[in-house]
Amino acid sequence: MVLVGVSTSYYYLGSDGLLPAAYGGAVAVANTILLSRRLDSAGEMAKDNPDGGVLTLYLGVVQRFVFVLVMFGVGMGVLKLLPPPMLGTFALSQLAFMLFGSKKARSMAKKD
């Protein structure tokens, strides 16, 4: 989906849309990696301490929220990237992750 966002940005904005779209996609991928790592650690922690696992998940939400805000601040404020392709590619990538993740979770639940 990141490639779709980058391609679409290039089509509509030319070379000015490439870097912002790639940056937004990279933020989405990094956000997904942070989520995956946090879910793994929360699952391990929940085996011994269920409350600790839940706390780890909440801290992960805050961590990812702050990370995304800081990265968008850097992208728009420091790097002066165009917001629409950056935010659009980020949103498209996150939506694809959400849809794929929920579909995968449903298929895993059917196997059990």
C-alpha atoms as a PDB file:
ATOM      1  CA  MET A   1       0.000   0.000   0.000  1.00  0.00           C
ATOM      2  CA  VAL A   2       2.953   2.288   0.547  1.00  0.00           C
ATOM      3  CA  LEU A   3       3.912   1.799  -3.103  1.00  0.00           C
ATOM      4  CA  VAL A   4       0.358   2.621  -4.165  1.00  0.00           C
ATOM      5  CA  GLY A   5       0.485   5.840  -2.135  1.00  0.00           C
ATOM      6  CA  VAL A   6       3.883   6.795  -3.525  1.00  0.00           C
ATOM      7  CA  SER A   7       2.791   6.017  -7.101  1.00  0.00           C
ATOM      8  CA  THR A   8      -0.410   8.017  -6.720  1.00  0.00           C
ATOM      9  CA  SER A   9       1.482  10.967  -5.248  1.00  0.00           C
ATOM     10  CA  TYR A  10       3.956  10.865  -8.113  1.00  0.00           C
ATOM     11  CA  TYR A  11       1.147  10.719 -10.652  1.00  0.00           C
ATOM     12  CA  TYR A  12      -0.645  13.763  -9.236  1.00  0.00           C
ATOM     13  CA  LEU A  13       2.246  15.843  -7.844  1.00  0.00           C
ATOM     14  CA  GLY A  14       5.260  14.711  -9.815  1.00  0.00           C
ATOM     15  CA  SER A  15       8.605  14.393  -8.095  1.00  0.00           C
ATOM     16  CA  ASP A  16       7.445  16.769  -5.315  1.00  0.00           C
ATOM     17  CA  GLY A  17       5.133  14.042  -4.032  1.00  0.00           C
ATOM     18  CA  LEU A  18       7.641  11.183  -3.885  1.00  0.00           C
ATOM     19  CA  LEU A  19       9.567  11.974  -0.710  1.00  0.00           C
ATOM     20  CA  PRO A  20       6.561  13.024   1.415  1.00  0.00           C
ATOM     21  CA  ALA A  21       4.623   9.904   0.422  1.00  0.00           C
ATOM     22  CA  ALA A  22       7.600   7.632   1.085  1.00  0.00           C
ATOM     23  CA  TYR A  23       8.133   9.337   4.450  1.00  0.00           C
ATOM     24  CA  GLY A  24       4.484   8.847   5.437  1.00  0.00           C
ATOM     25  CA  GLY A  25       4.694   5.205   4.405  1.00  0.00           C
ATOM     26  CA  ALA A  26       7.886   4.726   6.406  1.00  0.00           C
ATOM     27  CA  VAL A  27       6.204   6.190   9.493  1.00  0.00           C
ATOM     28  CA  ALA A  28       3.310   3.755   9.011  1.00  0.00           C
ATOM     29  CA  VAL A  29       5.667   0.775   8.671  1.00  0.00           C
ATOM     30  CA  ALA A  30       7.654   1.829  11.741  1.00  0.00           C
ATOM     31  CA  ASN A  31       4.404   2.287  13.681  1.00  0.00           C
ATOM     32  CA  THR A  32       3.324  -1.226  12.698  1.00  0.00           C
ATOM     33  CA  ILE A  33       6.676  -2.662  13.797  1.00  0.00           C
ATOM     34  CA  LEU A  34       6.338  -0.914  17.166  1.00  0.00           C
ATOM     35  CA  LEU A  35       2.851  -2.398  17.559  1.00  0.00           C
ATOM     36  CA  SER A  36       4.048  -5.888  16.672  1.00  0.00           C
ATOM     37  CA  ARG A  37       6.924  -5.762  19.141  1.00  0.00           C
ATOM     38  CA  ARG A  38       4.667  -4.426  21.900  1.00  0.00           C
ATOM     39  CA  LEU A  39       2.069  -7.150  21.304  1.00  0.00           C
ATOM     40  CA  ASP A  40       4.759  -9.832  21.527  1.00  0.00           C
ATOM     41  CA  SER A  41       6.139  -8.464  24.790  1.00  0.00           C
ATOM     42  CA  ALA A  42       2.629  -8.009  26.252  1.00  0.00           C
ATOM     43  CA  GLY A  43       1.768 -11.604  25.366  1.00  0.00           C
ATOM     44  CA  GLU A  44       4.856 -12.891  27.119  1.00  0.00           C
ATOM     45  CA  MET A  45       4.275 -10.673  30.136  1.00  0.00           C
ATOM     46  CA  ALA A  46       0.584 -11.648  30.382  1.00  0.00           C
ATOM     47  CA  LYS A  47       1.544 -15.279  30.991  1.00  0.00           C
ATOM     48  CA  ASP A  48       2.990 -14.334  34.390  1.00  0.00           C
ATOM     49  CA  ASN A  49       1.171 -11.084  35.127  1.00  0.00           C
ATOM     50  CA  PRO A  50      -2.054 -10.280  33.207  1.00  0.00           C
ATOM     51  CA  ASP A  51      -2.250  -6.738  34.605  1.00  0.00           C
ATOM     52  CA  GLY A  52       1.305  -6.087  33.466  1.00  0.00           C
ATOM     53  CA  GLY A  53       0.416  -7.227  29.964  1.00  0.00           C
ATOM     54  CA  VAL A  54      -2.485  -4.790  29.799  1.00  0.00           C
ATOM     55  CA  LEU A  55      -0.315  -1.971  31.127  1.00  0.00           C
ATOM     56  CA  THR A  56       2.277  -2.771  28.476  1.00  0.00           C
ATOM     57  CA  LEU A  57      -0.387  -2.470  25.781  1.00  0.00           C
ATOM     58  CA  TYR A  58      -1.539   0.916  27.107  1.00  0.00           C
ATOM     59  CA  LEU A  59       2.028   2.182  27.233  1.00  0.00           C
ATOM     60  CA  GLY A  60       2.487   0.966  23.676  1.00  0.00           C
ATOM     61  CA  VAL A  61      -0.488   3.027  22.512  1.00  0.00           C
ATOM     62  CA  VAL A  62       0.985   6.156  24.094  1.00  0.00           C
ATOM     63  CA  GLN A  63       4.421   5.376  22.668  1.00  0.00           C
ATOM     64  CA  ARG A  64       3.084   4.950  19.130  1.00  0.00           C
ATOM     65  CA  PHE A  65       0.923   8.075  19.360  1.00  0.00           C
ATOM     66  CA  VAL A  66       3.861  10.209  20.475  1.00  0.00           C
ATOM     67  CA  PHE A  67       6.123   8.619  17.850  1.00  0.00           C
ATOM     68  CA  VAL A  68       3.706   9.430  15.025  1.00  0.00           C
ATOM     69  CA  LEU A  69       3.190  13.011  16.248  1.00  0.00           C
ATOM     70  CA  VAL A  70       6.937  13.618  16.517  1.00  0.00           C
ATOM     71  CA  MET A  71       7.647  12.078  13.115  1.00  0.00           C
ATOM     72  CA  PHE A  72       4.948  14.182  11.438  1.00  0.00           C
ATOM     73  CA  GLY A  73       6.319  17.244  13.225  1.00  0.00           C
ATOM     74  CA  VAL A  74       9.771  16.479  11.878  1.00  0.00           C
ATOM     75  CA  GLY A  75       8.401  15.787   8.400  1.00  0.00           C
ATOM     76  CA  MET A  76       6.334  18.959   8.143  1.00  0.00           C
ATOM     77  CA  GLY A  77       8.326  21.311  10.348  1.00  0.00           C
ATOM     78  CA  VAL A  78      11.959  20.376   9.846  1.00  0.00           C
ATOM     79  CA  LEU A  79      11.978  18.659   6.449  1.00  0.00           C
ATOM     80  CA  LYS A  80       9.191  20.894   5.009  1.00  0.00           C
ATOM     81  CA  LEU A  81       7.460  17.955   3.318  1.00  0.00           C
ATOM     82  CA  LEU A  82       4.037  18.363   1.723  1.00  0.00           C
ATOM     83  CA  PRO A  83       1.383  17.212   4.228  1.00  0.00           C
ATOM     84  CA  PRO A  84      -1.259  15.690   1.870  1.00  0.00           C
ATOM     85  CA  PRO A  85       0.920  12.942   0.325  1.00  0.00           C
ATOM     86  CA  MET A  86       2.609  12.228   3.652  1.00  0.00           C
ATOM     87  CA  LEU A  87      -0.633  11.942   5.619  1.00  0.00           C
ATOM     88  CA  GLY A  88      -2.473  10.233   2.774  1.00  0.00           C
ATOM     89  CA  THR A  89       0.085   7.465   2.377  1.00  0.00           C
ATOM     90  CA  PHE A  90       0.267   7.030   6.150  1.00  0.00           C
ATOM     91  CA  ALA A  91      -3.526   6.740   6.402  1.00  0.00           C
ATOM     92  CA  LEU A  92      -3.769   4.356   3.449  1.00  0.00           C
ATOM     93  CA  SER A  93      -1.057   2.115   4.875  1.00  0.00           C
ATOM     94  CA  GLN A  94      -2.574   2.079   8.356  1.00  0.00           C
ATOM     95  CA  LEU A  95      -6.014   1.293   6.913  1.00  0.00           C
ATOM     96  CA  ALA A  96      -4.569  -1.612   4.940  1.00  0.00           C
ATOM     97  CA  PHE A  97      -2.844  -2.915   8.064  1.00  0.00           C
ATOM     98  CA  MET A  98      -6.088  -2.666  10.041  1.00  0.00           C
ATOM     99  CA  LEU A  99      -8.115  -4.469   7.376  1.00  0.00           C
ATOM    100  CA  PHE A 100      -5.492  -7.164   6.822  1.00  0.00           C
ATOM    101  CA  GLY A 101      -4.936  -7.603  10.553  1.00  0.00           C
ATOM    102  CA  SER A 102      -8.638  -8.039  11.297  1.00  0.00           C
ATOM    103  CA  LYS A 103      -9.016 -10.487   8.396  1.00  0.00           C
ATOM    104  CA  LYS A 104      -6.014 -12.470   9.622  1.00  0.00           C
ATOM    105  CA  ALA A 105      -7.357 -12.502  13.189  1.00  0.00           C
ATOM    106  CA  ARG A 106     -10.722 -13.842  11.993  1.00  0.00           C
ATOM    107  CA  SER A 107      -9.079 -16.609   9.971  1.00  0.00           C
ATOM    108  CA  MET A 108      -6.911 -17.580  12.968  1.00  0.00           C
ATOM    109  CA  ALA A 109     -10.016 -17.700  15.207  1.00  0.00           C
ATOM    110  CA  LYS A 110     -11.789 -20.022  12.762  1.00  0.00           C
ATOM    111  CA  LYS A 111      -8.861 -22.476  12.914  1.00  0.00           C
ATOM    112  CA  ASP A 112      -9.178 -22.741  16.702  1.00  0.00           C
END
